[in-house]
Amino acid sequence: MAVRMRLRRLGAKKNPFYRIVIADSRSPRDGRFIEEIGYYNPVSQPAEVKVDADKAREWLAKGAQPSDTVRGILKNQGIL
């Protein structure tokens, strides 16, 4: 099972809010996920980000592959 760290979109139209989740790469973007490790709110000024660093490192050690956007978020948070 290929596991990815990716964003799950929530919020209203033109007002996105994302949760950072661990999910099987074959499941839909907003579908089933394994665990939630944080959130990202790009609408607030400045953008609000919260990531559970311990869980993120644990999943990276298990082989989870972050999406490009999540990789950037993790680098900004100092996790990668």
N, C-alpha and C. Protein backbone atom coordinates (compact mmCIF):
# COMPACT_ATOMS: atom_id res chain seq x y z
N MET A 1 0.85 -1.18 0.00
CA MET A 1 0.00 0.00 0.00
C MET A 1 0.90 1.24 0.00
N ALA A 2 0.78 2.07 -1.04
CA ALA A 2 1.54 3.32 -1.13
C ALA A 2 0.81 4.39 -0.31
N VAL A 3 1.51 4.95 0.65
CA VAL A 3 0.90 5.92 1.56
C VAL A 3 1.45 7.30 1.24
N ARG A 4 0.54 8.29 1.20
CA ARG A 4 0.92 9.67 0.89
C ARG A 4 0.47 10.61 2.01
N MET A 5 1.25 11.67 2.19
CA MET A 5 0.84 12.81 3.03
C MET A 5 0.29 13.82 2.05
N ARG A 6 -0.95 14.23 2.22
CA ARG A 6 -1.52 15.18 1.28
C ARG A 6 -2.59 16.03 1.95
N LEU A 7 -3.08 17.01 1.18
CA LEU A 7 -4.10 17.94 1.69
C LEU A 7 -5.48 17.43 1.35
N ARG A 8 -6.37 17.55 2.32
CA ARG A 8 -7.79 17.19 2.14
C ARG A 8 -8.57 18.49 2.23
N ARG A 9 -9.27 18.86 1.17
CA ARG A 9 -9.94 20.17 1.11
C ARG A 9 -11.26 20.16 1.87
N LEU A 10 -11.43 21.20 2.68
CA LEU A 10 -12.67 21.45 3.39
C LEU A 10 -13.02 22.92 3.18
N GLY A 11 -14.06 23.39 3.81
CA GLY A 11 -14.43 24.80 3.71
C GLY A 11 -15.46 25.03 2.63
N ALA A 12 -15.83 26.28 2.49
CA ALA A 12 -16.87 26.67 1.53
C ALA A 12 -16.25 27.03 0.18
N LYS A 13 -17.12 27.29 -0.78
CA LYS A 13 -16.67 27.72 -2.09
C LYS A 13 -15.88 29.02 -1.97
N LYS A 14 -14.71 29.07 -2.59
CA LYS A 14 -13.80 30.23 -2.57
C LYS A 14 -13.29 30.56 -1.17
N ASN A 15 -13.40 29.62 -0.25
CA ASN A 15 -12.89 29.80 1.11
C ASN A 15 -12.30 28.47 1.58
N PRO A 16 -11.18 28.06 0.96
CA PRO A 16 -10.64 26.73 1.26
C PRO A 16 -9.98 26.64 2.63
N PHE A 17 -10.03 25.45 3.17
CA PHE A 17 -9.37 25.09 4.42
C PHE A 17 -8.91 23.65 4.21
N TYR A 18 -7.67 23.36 4.55
CA TYR A 18 -7.13 22.04 4.27
C TYR A 18 -6.70 21.34 5.54
N ARG A 19 -6.91 20.04 5.58
CA ARG A 19 -6.35 19.21 6.64
C ARG A 19 -5.23 18.39 6.03
N ILE A 20 -4.14 18.26 6.74
CA ILE A 20 -3.01 17.45 6.27
C ILE A 20 -3.26 16.04 6.79
N VAL A 21 -3.39 15.09 5.86
CA VAL A 21 -3.76 13.73 6.22
C VAL A 21 -2.78 12.72 5.63
N ILE A 22 -2.79 11.53 6.21
CA ILE A 22 -2.09 10.37 5.69
C ILE A 22 -3.15 9.52 5.01
N ALA A 23 -2.95 9.21 3.72
CA ALA A 23 -3.96 8.46 2.98
C ALA A 23 -3.30 7.52 1.99
N ASP A 24 -4.01 6.47 1.63
CA ASP A 24 -3.59 5.58 0.57
C ASP A 24 -3.57 6.39 -0.73
N SER A 25 -2.55 6.21 -1.54
CA SER A 25 -2.43 7.01 -2.76
C SER A 25 -3.56 6.77 -3.74
N ARG A 26 -4.26 5.64 -3.62
CA ARG A 26 -5.35 5.32 -4.55
C ARG A 26 -6.69 5.91 -4.13
N SER A 27 -6.81 6.41 -2.91
CA SER A 27 -8.09 6.95 -2.45
C SER A 27 -8.27 8.38 -2.97
N PRO A 28 -9.52 8.84 -3.13
CA PRO A 28 -9.77 10.19 -3.65
C PRO A 28 -9.26 11.28 -2.71
N ARG A 29 -9.07 12.46 -3.26
CA ARG A 29 -8.52 13.59 -2.50
C ARG A 29 -9.26 13.83 -1.19
N ASP A 30 -10.58 13.85 -1.24
CA ASP A 30 -11.37 14.12 -0.05
C ASP A 30 -11.99 12.86 0.52
N GLY A 31 -11.48 11.72 0.12
CA GLY A 31 -12.05 10.45 0.55
C GLY A 31 -11.42 9.93 1.83
N ARG A 32 -11.35 8.63 1.90
CA ARG A 32 -10.88 7.92 3.08
C ARG A 32 -9.42 8.25 3.39
N PHE A 33 -9.11 8.39 4.67
CA PHE A 33 -7.74 8.64 5.09
C PHE A 33 -7.42 7.83 6.33
N ILE A 34 -6.14 7.71 6.63
CA ILE A 34 -5.68 6.88 7.75
C ILE A 34 -5.60 7.71 9.03
N GLU A 35 -4.96 8.89 8.93
CA GLU A 35 -4.76 9.72 10.12
C GLU A 35 -4.64 11.18 9.71
N GLU A 36 -5.10 12.06 10.58
CA GLU A 36 -4.96 13.50 10.37
C GLU A 36 -3.79 13.99 11.21
N ILE A 37 -2.86 14.75 10.60
CA ILE A 37 -1.68 15.19 11.34
C ILE A 37 -1.58 16.71 11.46
N GLY A 38 -2.51 17.45 10.86
CA GLY A 38 -2.45 18.91 10.99
C GLY A 38 -3.45 19.59 10.08
N TYR A 39 -3.31 20.92 9.97
CA TYR A 39 -4.19 21.69 9.09
C TYR A 39 -3.44 22.86 8.49
N TYR A 40 -4.02 23.43 7.42
CA TYR A 40 -3.44 24.56 6.69
C TYR A 40 -4.58 25.46 6.24
N ASN A 41 -4.54 26.72 6.65
CA ASN A 41 -5.57 27.69 6.27
C ASN A 41 -4.91 28.80 5.45
N PRO A 42 -4.98 28.72 4.11
CA PRO A 42 -4.31 29.72 3.27
C PRO A 42 -5.04 31.06 3.21
N VAL A 43 -6.28 31.13 3.68
CA VAL A 43 -7.08 32.35 3.57
C VAL A 43 -6.67 33.37 4.63
N SER A 44 -6.33 32.92 5.83
CA SER A 44 -5.97 33.85 6.90
C SER A 44 -4.66 34.56 6.55
N GLN A 45 -4.48 35.74 7.08
CA GLN A 45 -3.26 36.52 6.83
C GLN A 45 -2.50 36.68 8.13
N PRO A 46 -1.30 36.13 8.29
CA PRO A 46 -0.62 35.21 7.36
C PRO A 46 -1.27 33.83 7.40
N ALA A 47 -0.91 33.00 6.43
CA ALA A 47 -1.48 31.65 6.35
C ALA A 47 -1.21 30.90 7.65
N GLU A 48 -2.22 30.22 8.14
CA GLU A 48 -2.14 29.51 9.42
C GLU A 48 -1.84 28.03 9.16
N VAL A 49 -0.79 27.53 9.82
CA VAL A 49 -0.39 26.13 9.65
C VAL A 49 -0.12 25.53 11.01
N LYS A 50 -0.62 24.31 11.23
CA LYS A 50 -0.29 23.56 12.44
C LYS A 50 -0.08 22.12 12.04
N VAL A 51 1.09 21.58 12.40
CA VAL A 51 1.42 20.20 12.06
C VAL A 51 1.96 19.52 13.31
N ASP A 52 1.48 18.31 13.59
CA ASP A 52 2.02 17.50 14.68
C ASP A 52 3.35 16.92 14.18
N ALA A 53 4.47 17.52 14.60
CA ALA A 53 5.79 17.15 14.09
C ALA A 53 6.14 15.70 14.40
N ASP A 54 5.77 15.21 15.58
CA ASP A 54 6.10 13.83 15.94
C ASP A 54 5.40 12.84 15.01
N LYS A 55 4.11 13.07 14.75
CA LYS A 55 3.37 12.17 13.86
C LYS A 55 3.91 12.26 12.44
N ALA A 56 4.26 13.46 11.99
CA ALA A 56 4.80 13.63 10.63
C ALA A 56 6.11 12.87 10.48
N ARG A 57 7.00 13.01 11.45
CA ARG A 57 8.29 12.29 11.38
C ARG A 57 8.08 10.79 11.45
N GLU A 58 7.13 10.35 12.27
CA GLU A 58 6.82 8.92 12.37
C GLU A 58 6.37 8.36 11.03
N TRP A 59 5.47 9.06 10.35
CA TRP A 59 4.98 8.58 9.06
C TRP A 59 6.05 8.67 7.98
N LEU A 60 6.90 9.69 8.02
CA LEU A 60 8.00 9.78 7.06
C LEU A 60 8.96 8.61 7.25
N ALA A 61 9.21 8.24 8.51
CA ALA A 61 10.08 7.09 8.79
C ALA A 61 9.47 5.79 8.30
N LYS A 62 8.13 5.71 8.31
CA LYS A 62 7.45 4.51 7.81
C LYS A 62 7.41 4.46 6.29
N GLY A 63 7.80 5.56 5.63
CA GLY A 63 7.84 5.56 4.17
C GLY A 63 6.77 6.35 3.48
N ALA A 64 5.99 7.14 4.21
CA ALA A 64 4.95 7.96 3.57
C ALA A 64 5.60 9.03 2.71
N GLN A 65 5.07 9.24 1.51
CA GLN A 65 5.60 10.22 0.57
C GLN A 65 4.74 11.48 0.61
N PRO A 66 5.32 12.65 0.96
CA PRO A 66 4.52 13.88 0.97
C PRO A 66 4.27 14.39 -0.44
N SER A 67 3.11 15.00 -0.66
CA SER A 67 2.85 15.67 -1.93
C SER A 67 3.75 16.91 -2.00
N ASP A 68 3.83 17.53 -3.17
CA ASP A 68 4.70 18.70 -3.33
C ASP A 68 4.31 19.82 -2.38
N THR A 69 3.02 20.08 -2.24
CA THR A 69 2.55 21.15 -1.36
C THR A 69 2.85 20.83 0.10
N VAL A 70 2.59 19.60 0.50
CA VAL A 70 2.86 19.20 1.89
C VAL A 70 4.36 19.22 2.16
N ARG A 71 5.17 18.85 1.18
CA ARG A 71 6.63 18.90 1.35
C ARG A 71 7.06 20.34 1.65
N GLY A 72 6.50 21.31 0.93
CA GLY A 72 6.82 22.71 1.18
C GLY A 72 6.39 23.16 2.56
N ILE A 73 5.21 22.74 2.98
CA ILE A 73 4.71 23.08 4.32
C ILE A 73 5.63 22.50 5.39
N LEU A 74 6.03 21.24 5.23
CA LEU A 74 6.90 20.59 6.21
C LEU A 74 8.27 21.27 6.26
N LYS A 75 8.78 21.71 5.12
CA LYS A 75 10.06 22.43 5.11
C LYS A 75 9.94 23.76 5.84
N ASN A 76 8.85 24.48 5.62
CA ASN A 76 8.64 25.76 6.30
C ASN A 76 8.51 25.58 7.81
N GLN A 77 7.96 24.45 8.24
CA GLN A 77 7.79 24.16 9.66
C GLN A 77 9.07 23.59 10.29
N GLY A 78 10.08 23.29 9.46
CA GLY A 78 11.34 22.76 9.97
C GLY A 78 11.30 21.27 10.26
N ILE A 79 10.35 20.56 9.68
CA ILE A 79 10.23 19.12 9.91
C ILE A 79 11.08 18.34 8.93
N LEU A 80 11.20 18.83 7.70
CA LEU A 80 12.06 18.19 6.69
C LEU A 80 13.39 18.90 6.62
